Amino acid sequence: MLDRAREESAPPPADPNGATRPVAFRGAGFLPSAGRTSGWIALVLVIGLWQLAGSLALVNPLFLPPPSAIARALWQLALSGALWHHLSVSVMRIGSGWILGTAAGIIVGFAIGLSSLARGVGITFISALFPIRRSRSCRF
């Protein structure tokens, strides 16, 4: 790919004497590096803007309460013990849903794998979940 880019690049620039000089190919691209602080700075800025919008009443606190109100409510729920009760109920619901979904997936998978009738019915729905294949002429 880099060879093709070299071939398609413009001719090297000319110097004032009319001669051309070679220029090193710099088309390797941008190599992003993950900074440790940029994500944290962005998060702090978003939370700060959110708090500012809530404090200036630009946003209805019924729909989007400011972060300070959320932190205060979490602290009060943690102190009263209600947070742990609600958290345990949510974890139980998530866990039971995961177990039921896994069991249903295993049962349907075995049925499709072992029964031609189940395969004929089930493969229709499974095929609908496949992503639409891109054509070779389409380049993104």
N, C-alpha and C. Protein backbone atom coordinates (compact mmCIF):
# COMPACT_ATOMS: atom_id res chain seq x y z
N MET A 1 0.82 -1.19 0.00
CA MET A 1 0.00 0.00 0.00
C MET A 1 0.87 1.25 0.00
N LEU A 2 1.97 1.22 0.77
CA LEU A 2 2.85 2.37 0.79
C LEU A 2 3.55 2.55 -0.54
N ASP A 3 3.86 1.44 -1.24
CA ASP A 3 4.49 1.54 -2.54
C ASP A 3 3.57 2.23 -3.54
N ARG A 4 2.28 1.88 -3.48
CA ARG A 4 1.32 2.51 -4.38
C ARG A 4 1.21 4.00 -4.09
N ALA A 5 1.26 4.37 -2.80
CA ALA A 5 1.18 5.78 -2.44
C ALA A 5 2.40 6.53 -2.96
N ARG A 6 3.56 5.88 -2.96
CA ARG A 6 4.76 6.53 -3.48
C ARG A 6 4.63 6.77 -4.98
N GLU A 7 4.05 5.77 -5.69
CA GLU A 7 3.90 5.90 -7.12
C GLU A 7 2.91 6.99 -7.49
N GLU A 8 1.85 7.14 -6.68
CA GLU A 8 0.80 8.10 -6.99
C GLU A 8 1.12 9.50 -6.49
N SER A 9 2.19 9.65 -5.71
CA SER A 9 2.50 10.96 -5.15
C SER A 9 3.00 11.89 -6.24
N ALA A 10 2.95 13.17 -5.95
CA ALA A 10 3.38 14.19 -6.90
C ALA A 10 4.89 14.12 -7.08
N PRO A 11 5.40 14.64 -8.19
CA PRO A 11 6.85 14.63 -8.39
C PRO A 11 7.53 15.49 -7.33
N PRO A 12 8.78 15.19 -7.06
CA PRO A 12 9.47 15.95 -6.02
C PRO A 12 9.60 17.42 -6.40
N PRO A 13 9.60 18.31 -5.41
CA PRO A 13 9.66 19.75 -5.71
C PRO A 13 11.03 20.13 -6.29
N ALA A 14 11.03 21.15 -7.09
CA ALA A 14 12.27 21.62 -7.72
C ALA A 14 12.91 22.68 -6.84
N ASP A 15 14.24 22.72 -6.84
CA ASP A 15 14.93 23.77 -6.10
C ASP A 15 15.14 24.96 -7.03
N PRO A 16 15.63 26.08 -6.54
CA PRO A 16 15.77 27.29 -7.38
C PRO A 16 16.69 27.09 -8.59
N ASN A 17 17.60 26.14 -8.56
CA ASN A 17 18.51 25.92 -9.68
C ASN A 17 17.87 25.08 -10.79
N GLY A 18 16.66 24.60 -10.60
CA GLY A 18 15.97 23.82 -11.61
C GLY A 18 16.13 22.33 -11.42
N ALA A 19 17.01 21.91 -10.55
CA ALA A 19 17.19 20.48 -10.30
C ALA A 19 16.15 20.00 -9.28
N THR A 20 15.87 18.74 -9.34
CA THR A 20 14.92 18.18 -8.37
C THR A 20 15.70 17.50 -7.25
N ARG A 21 15.13 17.53 -6.09
CA ARG A 21 15.76 16.86 -4.96
C ARG A 21 14.76 15.88 -4.38
N PRO A 22 15.21 14.72 -3.96
CA PRO A 22 14.28 13.73 -3.40
C PRO A 22 13.79 14.17 -2.02
N VAL A 23 12.54 13.87 -1.79
CA VAL A 23 11.93 14.16 -0.49
C VAL A 23 11.51 12.83 0.10
N ALA A 24 11.82 12.62 1.34
CA ALA A 24 11.46 11.36 2.00
C ALA A 24 9.94 11.22 2.07
N PHE A 25 9.47 10.02 1.81
CA PHE A 25 8.04 9.76 1.86
C PHE A 25 7.56 9.81 3.31
N ARG A 26 6.53 10.62 3.55
CA ARG A 26 6.01 10.76 4.91
C ARG A 26 4.55 10.32 4.98
N GLY A 27 4.16 9.38 4.16
CA GLY A 27 2.76 8.98 4.09
C GLY A 27 2.40 7.81 4.97
N ALA A 28 3.18 7.55 5.99
CA ALA A 28 2.89 6.42 6.86
C ALA A 28 1.61 6.65 7.65
N GLY A 29 1.21 7.87 7.79
CA GLY A 29 -0.03 8.16 8.50
C GLY A 29 0.21 8.65 9.91
N PHE A 30 -0.87 8.97 10.52
CA PHE A 30 -0.84 9.49 11.88
C PHE A 30 -0.95 8.32 12.84
N LEU A 31 -0.03 8.21 13.74
CA LEU A 31 -0.06 7.15 14.73
C LEU A 31 -0.54 7.74 16.05
N PRO A 32 -1.82 7.54 16.37
CA PRO A 32 -2.34 8.13 17.61
C PRO A 32 -1.76 7.42 18.83
N SER A 33 -1.53 8.19 19.84
CA SER A 33 -1.09 7.61 21.10
C SER A 33 -2.08 8.01 22.17
N ALA A 34 -2.38 7.07 23.03
CA ALA A 34 -3.36 7.32 24.07
C ALA A 34 -2.69 8.07 25.21
N GLY A 35 -3.17 9.26 25.47
CA GLY A 35 -2.67 10.03 26.60
C GLY A 35 -3.47 9.68 27.85
N ARG A 36 -2.82 9.69 28.96
CA ARG A 36 -3.50 9.34 30.20
C ARG A 36 -4.37 10.47 30.73
N THR A 37 -4.03 11.69 30.43
CA THR A 37 -4.75 12.80 31.03
C THR A 37 -5.88 13.34 30.17
N SER A 38 -5.83 13.14 28.86
CA SER A 38 -6.83 13.76 28.00
C SER A 38 -8.24 13.24 28.29
N GLY A 39 -8.37 11.96 28.55
CA GLY A 39 -9.69 11.41 28.89
C GLY A 39 -10.22 11.96 30.20
N TRP A 40 -9.35 12.06 31.18
CA TRP A 40 -9.78 12.60 32.48
C TRP A 40 -10.15 14.07 32.38
N ILE A 41 -9.38 14.82 31.61
CA ILE A 41 -9.69 16.24 31.43
C ILE A 41 -11.04 16.40 30.75
N ALA A 42 -11.31 15.59 29.72
CA ALA A 42 -12.59 15.66 29.03
C ALA A 42 -13.74 15.30 29.96
N LEU A 43 -13.55 14.29 30.78
CA LEU A 43 -14.59 13.88 31.72
C LEU A 43 -14.87 14.99 32.74
N VAL A 44 -13.83 15.59 33.28
CA VAL A 44 -14.00 16.67 34.26
C VAL A 44 -14.69 17.87 33.61
N LEU A 45 -14.33 18.19 32.36
CA LEU A 45 -14.97 19.30 31.66
C LEU A 45 -16.45 19.04 31.42
N VAL A 46 -16.80 17.83 31.01
CA VAL A 46 -18.21 17.51 30.76
C VAL A 46 -19.01 17.58 32.06
N ILE A 47 -18.45 17.01 33.14
CA ILE A 47 -19.17 17.06 34.42
C ILE A 47 -19.27 18.50 34.92
N GLY A 48 -18.22 19.29 34.71
CA GLY A 48 -18.27 20.69 35.11
C GLY A 48 -19.31 21.48 34.34
N LEU A 49 -19.39 21.25 33.02
CA LEU A 49 -20.42 21.93 32.22
C LEU A 49 -21.81 21.48 32.62
N TRP A 50 -21.95 20.21 32.94
CA TRP A 50 -23.23 19.66 33.38
C TRP A 50 -23.64 20.33 34.70
N GLN A 51 -22.70 20.45 35.63
CA GLN A 51 -22.99 21.09 36.91
C GLN A 51 -23.35 22.55 36.70
N LEU A 52 -22.62 23.24 35.83
CA LEU A 52 -22.89 24.65 35.55
C LEU A 52 -24.28 24.82 34.94
N ALA A 53 -24.64 23.96 33.99
CA ALA A 53 -25.96 24.05 33.36
C ALA A 53 -27.06 23.79 34.39
N GLY A 54 -26.82 22.86 35.31
CA GLY A 54 -27.81 22.59 36.35
C GLY A 54 -27.91 23.72 37.36
N SER A 55 -26.78 24.31 37.71
CA SER A 55 -26.78 25.39 38.70
C SER A 55 -27.41 26.66 38.15
N LEU A 56 -27.26 26.90 36.87
CA LEU A 56 -27.86 28.09 36.24
C LEU A 56 -29.30 27.84 35.80
N ALA A 57 -29.84 26.68 36.10
CA ALA A 57 -31.21 26.29 35.76
C ALA A 57 -31.45 26.32 34.25
N LEU A 58 -30.41 25.99 33.48
CA LEU A 58 -30.57 25.88 32.03
C LEU A 58 -31.22 24.55 31.66
N VAL A 59 -31.13 23.60 32.57
CA VAL A 59 -31.68 22.27 32.36
C VAL A 59 -32.63 21.99 33.51
N ASN A 60 -33.79 21.43 33.20
CA ASN A 60 -34.76 21.08 34.24
C ASN A 60 -34.18 19.97 35.12
N PRO A 61 -34.04 20.20 36.43
CA PRO A 61 -33.44 19.18 37.30
C PRO A 61 -34.29 17.92 37.43
N LEU A 62 -35.55 17.97 37.03
CA LEU A 62 -36.37 16.78 37.04
C LEU A 62 -35.88 15.78 35.99
N PHE A 63 -35.41 16.29 34.86
CA PHE A 63 -34.93 15.42 33.78
C PHE A 63 -33.44 15.15 33.86
N LEU A 64 -32.65 16.12 34.30
CA LEU A 64 -31.20 15.95 34.37
C LEU A 64 -30.69 16.71 35.60
N PRO A 65 -30.70 16.05 36.75
CA PRO A 65 -30.22 16.73 37.96
C PRO A 65 -28.71 16.96 37.88
N PRO A 66 -28.23 18.00 38.54
CA PRO A 66 -26.78 18.25 38.52
C PRO A 66 -26.02 17.16 39.26
N PRO A 67 -24.74 16.98 38.93
CA PRO A 67 -23.95 15.93 39.56
C PRO A 67 -23.89 16.05 41.08
N SER A 68 -23.92 17.27 41.61
CA SER A 68 -23.87 17.44 43.06
C SER A 68 -25.13 16.87 43.72
N ALA A 69 -26.28 17.03 43.09
CA ALA A 69 -27.51 16.48 43.64
C ALA A 69 -27.50 14.95 43.58
N ILE A 70 -26.92 14.41 42.52
CA ILE A 70 -26.82 12.95 42.40
C ILE A 70 -25.89 12.40 43.47
N ALA A 71 -24.75 13.05 43.67
CA ALA A 71 -23.80 12.60 44.69
C ALA A 71 -24.41 12.70 46.08
N ARG A 72 -25.15 13.76 46.34
CA ARG A 72 -25.80 13.93 47.65
C ARG A 72 -26.84 12.82 47.88
N ALA A 73 -27.63 12.52 46.87
CA ALA A 73 -28.65 11.46 46.99
C ALA A 73 -28.00 10.10 47.18
N LEU A 74 -26.91 9.82 46.45
CA LEU A 74 -26.20 8.55 46.62
C LEU A 74 -25.63 8.43 48.04
N TRP A 75 -25.08 9.51 48.55
CA TRP A 75 -24.52 9.50 49.90
C TRP A 75 -25.61 9.22 50.93
N GLN A 76 -26.75 9.87 50.79
CA GLN A 76 -27.85 9.65 51.74
C GLN A 76 -28.38 8.22 51.64
N LEU A 77 -28.49 7.68 50.43
CA LEU A 77 -28.95 6.31 50.27
C LEU A 77 -27.94 5.32 50.86
N ALA A 78 -26.65 5.61 50.71
CA ALA A 78 -25.63 4.72 51.27
C ALA A 78 -25.66 4.74 52.79
N LEU A 79 -25.85 5.91 53.37
CA LEU A 79 -25.89 6.01 54.83
C LEU A 79 -27.13 5.33 55.42
N SER A 80 -28.25 5.42 54.72
CA SER A 80 -29.49 4.83 55.24
C SER A 80 -29.55 3.32 55.02
N GLY A 81 -28.72 2.79 54.13
CA GLY A 81 -28.74 1.37 53.84
C GLY A 81 -29.66 1.00 52.69
N ALA A 82 -30.42 1.96 52.18
CA ALA A 82 -31.34 1.68 51.09
C ALA A 82 -30.60 1.41 49.78
N LEU A 83 -29.43 2.02 49.61
CA LEU A 83 -28.66 1.81 48.38
C LEU A 83 -28.29 0.35 48.21
N TRP A 84 -27.85 -0.29 49.28
CA TRP A 84 -27.43 -1.68 49.21
C TRP A 84 -28.61 -2.59 48.92
N HIS A 85 -29.77 -2.26 49.46
CA HIS A 85 -30.97 -3.05 49.18
C HIS A 85 -31.33 -2.95 47.70
N HIS A 86 -31.40 -1.73 47.19
CA HIS A 86 -31.77 -1.53 45.78
C HIS A 86 -30.71 -2.11 44.84
N LEU A 87 -29.45 -1.98 45.22
CA LEU A 87 -28.37 -2.52 44.41
C LEU A 87 -28.43 -4.05 44.34
N SER A 88 -28.74 -4.69 45.47
CA SER A 88 -28.83 -6.15 45.48
C SER A 88 -30.01 -6.64 44.63
N VAL A 89 -31.13 -5.93 44.68
CA VAL A 89 -32.28 -6.30 43.85
C VAL A 89 -31.93 -6.15 42.37
N SER A 90 -31.23 -5.08 42.00
CA SER A 90 -30.85 -4.88 40.60
C SER A 90 -29.88 -5.96 40.14
N VAL A 91 -28.92 -6.33 40.98
CA VAL A 91 -27.97 -7.38 40.62
C VAL A 91 -28.69 -8.71 40.47
N MET A 92 -29.67 -8.98 41.32
CA MET A 92 -30.44 -10.22 41.20
C MET A 92 -31.22 -10.24 39.89
N ARG A 93 -31.81 -9.11 39.50
CA ARG A 93 -32.55 -9.06 38.24
C ARG A 93 -31.62 -9.25 37.05
N ILE A 94 -30.47 -8.60 37.08
CA ILE A 94 -29.50 -8.75 35.99
C ILE A 94 -29.03 -10.20 35.90
N GLY A 95 -28.71 -10.78 37.04
CA GLY A 95 -28.23 -12.16 37.07
C GLY A 95 -29.27 -13.16 36.59
N SER A 96 -30.51 -12.99 37.04
CA SER A 96 -31.55 -13.93 36.61
C SER A 96 -31.86 -13.76 35.12
N GLY A 97 -31.82 -12.53 34.61
CA GLY A 97 -32.02 -12.32 33.17
C GLY A 97 -30.90 -12.93 32.36
N TRP A 98 -29.67 -12.82 32.85
CA TRP A 98 -28.53 -13.41 32.15
C TRP A 98 -28.65 -14.94 32.13
N ILE A 99 -29.03 -15.53 33.26
CA ILE A 99 -29.18 -16.99 33.33
C ILE A 99 -30.30 -17.47 32.41
N LEU A 100 -31.45 -16.77 32.42
CA LEU A 100 -32.56 -17.17 31.55
C LEU A 100 -32.19 -17.01 30.07
N GLY A 101 -31.52 -15.92 29.73
CA GLY A 101 -31.11 -15.72 28.33
C GLY A 101 -30.09 -16.74 27.87
N THR A 102 -29.15 -17.08 28.74
CA THR A 102 -28.16 -18.09 28.40
C THR A 102 -28.82 -19.45 28.21
N ALA A 103 -29.71 -19.82 29.12
CA ALA A 103 -30.40 -21.11 29.01
C ALA A 103 -31.24 -21.17 27.73
N ALA A 104 -31.96 -20.09 27.43
CA ALA A 104 -32.76 -20.08 26.21
C ALA A 104 -31.88 -20.18 24.97
N GLY A 105 -30.74 -19.49 24.96
CA GLY A 105 -29.83 -19.55 23.82
C GLY A 105 -29.25 -20.95 23.62
N ILE A 106 -28.90 -21.60 24.71
CA ILE A 106 -28.36 -22.96 24.62
C ILE A 106 -29.41 -23.92 24.10
N ILE A 107 -30.63 -23.81 24.62
CA ILE A 107 -31.71 -24.70 24.19
C ILE A 107 -32.02 -24.50 22.71
N VAL A 108 -32.14 -23.24 22.27
CA VAL A 108 -32.44 -22.96 20.87
C VAL A 108 -31.27 -23.40 19.98
N GLY A 109 -30.04 -23.19 20.44
CA GLY A 109 -28.87 -23.61 19.67
C GLY A 109 -28.82 -25.11 19.47
N PHE A 110 -29.07 -25.86 20.55
CA PHE A 110 -29.10 -27.32 20.42
C PHE A 110 -30.24 -27.76 19.51
N ALA A 111 -31.41 -27.13 19.64
CA ALA A 111 -32.55 -27.51 18.80
C ALA A 111 -32.24 -27.27 17.33
N ILE A 112 -31.63 -26.13 17.01
CA ILE A 112 -31.30 -25.84 15.61
C ILE A 112 -30.22 -26.80 15.11
N GLY A 113 -29.28 -27.15 15.98
CA GLY A 113 -28.22 -28.05 15.58
C GLY A 113 -28.66 -29.49 15.43
N LEU A 114 -29.71 -29.92 16.13
CA LEU A 114 -30.11 -31.32 16.13
C LEU A 114 -31.38 -31.62 15.35
N SER A 115 -32.21 -30.61 15.08
CA SER A 115 -33.49 -30.85 14.44
C SER A 115 -33.58 -30.07 13.14
N SER A 116 -33.94 -30.76 12.07
CA SER A 116 -34.07 -30.06 10.79
C SER A 116 -35.29 -29.15 10.78
N LEU A 117 -36.35 -29.50 11.50
CA LEU A 117 -37.52 -28.63 11.59
C LEU A 117 -37.15 -27.34 12.32
N ALA A 118 -36.48 -27.47 13.47
CA ALA A 118 -36.07 -26.28 14.21
C ALA A 118 -35.06 -25.46 13.42
N ARG A 119 -34.20 -26.12 12.65
CA ARG A 119 -33.23 -25.41 11.81
C ARG A 119 -33.95 -24.62 10.73
N GLY A 120 -34.95 -25.23 10.11
CA GLY A 120 -35.70 -24.54 9.06
C GLY A 120 -36.40 -23.29 9.57
N VAL A 121 -36.92 -23.36 10.80
CA VAL A 121 -37.60 -22.20 11.38
C VAL A 121 -36.58 -21.21 11.94
N GLY A 122 -35.60 -21.71 12.67
CA GLY A 122 -34.67 -20.84 13.38
C GLY A 122 -33.66 -20.14 12.51
N ILE A 123 -33.25 -20.79 11.41
CA ILE A 123 -32.22 -20.19 10.57
C ILE A 123 -32.72 -18.91 9.91
N THR A 124 -34.03 -18.80 9.73
CA THR A 124 -34.60 -17.58 9.17
C THR A 124 -34.34 -16.40 10.08
N PHE A 125 -34.56 -16.59 11.36
CA PHE A 125 -34.36 -15.51 12.32
C PHE A 125 -32.88 -15.23 12.56
N ILE A 126 -32.08 -16.26 12.55
CA ILE A 126 -30.64 -16.08 12.73
C ILE A 126 -30.05 -15.35 11.52
N SER A 127 -30.50 -15.69 10.33
CA SER A 127 -30.01 -15.02 9.13
C SER A 127 -30.38 -13.54 9.12
N ALA A 128 -31.50 -13.20 9.73
CA ALA A 128 -31.90 -11.79 9.79
C ALA A 128 -30.96 -10.99 10.69
N LEU A 129 -30.23 -11.67 11.56
CA LEU A 129 -29.30 -10.97 12.45
C LEU A 129 -27.94 -10.73 11.82
N PHE A 130 -27.65 -11.41 10.69
CA PHE A 130 -26.36 -11.22 10.03
C PHE A 130 -26.27 -9.80 9.49
N PRO A 131 -25.10 -9.21 9.55
CA PRO A 131 -24.97 -7.86 8.98
C PRO A 131 -25.06 -7.91 7.47
N ILE A 132 -25.48 -6.82 6.88
CA ILE A 132 -25.58 -6.73 5.42
C ILE A 132 -24.17 -6.66 4.87
N ARG A 133 -23.88 -7.52 3.93
CA ARG A 133 -22.53 -7.59 3.39
C ARG A 133 -22.30 -6.43 2.43
N ARG A 134 -21.15 -5.78 2.60
CA ARG A 134 -20.80 -4.67 1.72
C ARG A 134 -20.30 -5.22 0.39
N SER A 135 -20.56 -4.48 -0.66
CA SER A 135 -20.02 -4.88 -1.95
C SER A 135 -18.55 -4.46 -2.02
N ARG A 136 -17.80 -5.08 -2.92
CA ARG A 136 -16.37 -4.78 -3.02
C ARG A 136 -16.12 -3.38 -3.56
N SER A 137 -17.07 -2.84 -4.30
CA SER A 137 -16.86 -1.51 -4.86
C SER A 137 -17.07 -0.41 -3.83
N CYS A 138 -17.71 -0.73 -2.74
CA CYS A 138 -17.99 0.25 -1.69
C CYS A 138 -16.81 0.29 -0.72
N ARG A 139 -16.14 1.42 -0.62
CA ARG A 139 -14.97 1.54 0.26
C ARG A 139 -15.24 2.60 1.29
N PHE A 140 -15.21 2.20 2.54
CA PHE A 140 -15.41 3.16 3.63
C PHE A 140 -14.15 3.33 4.40
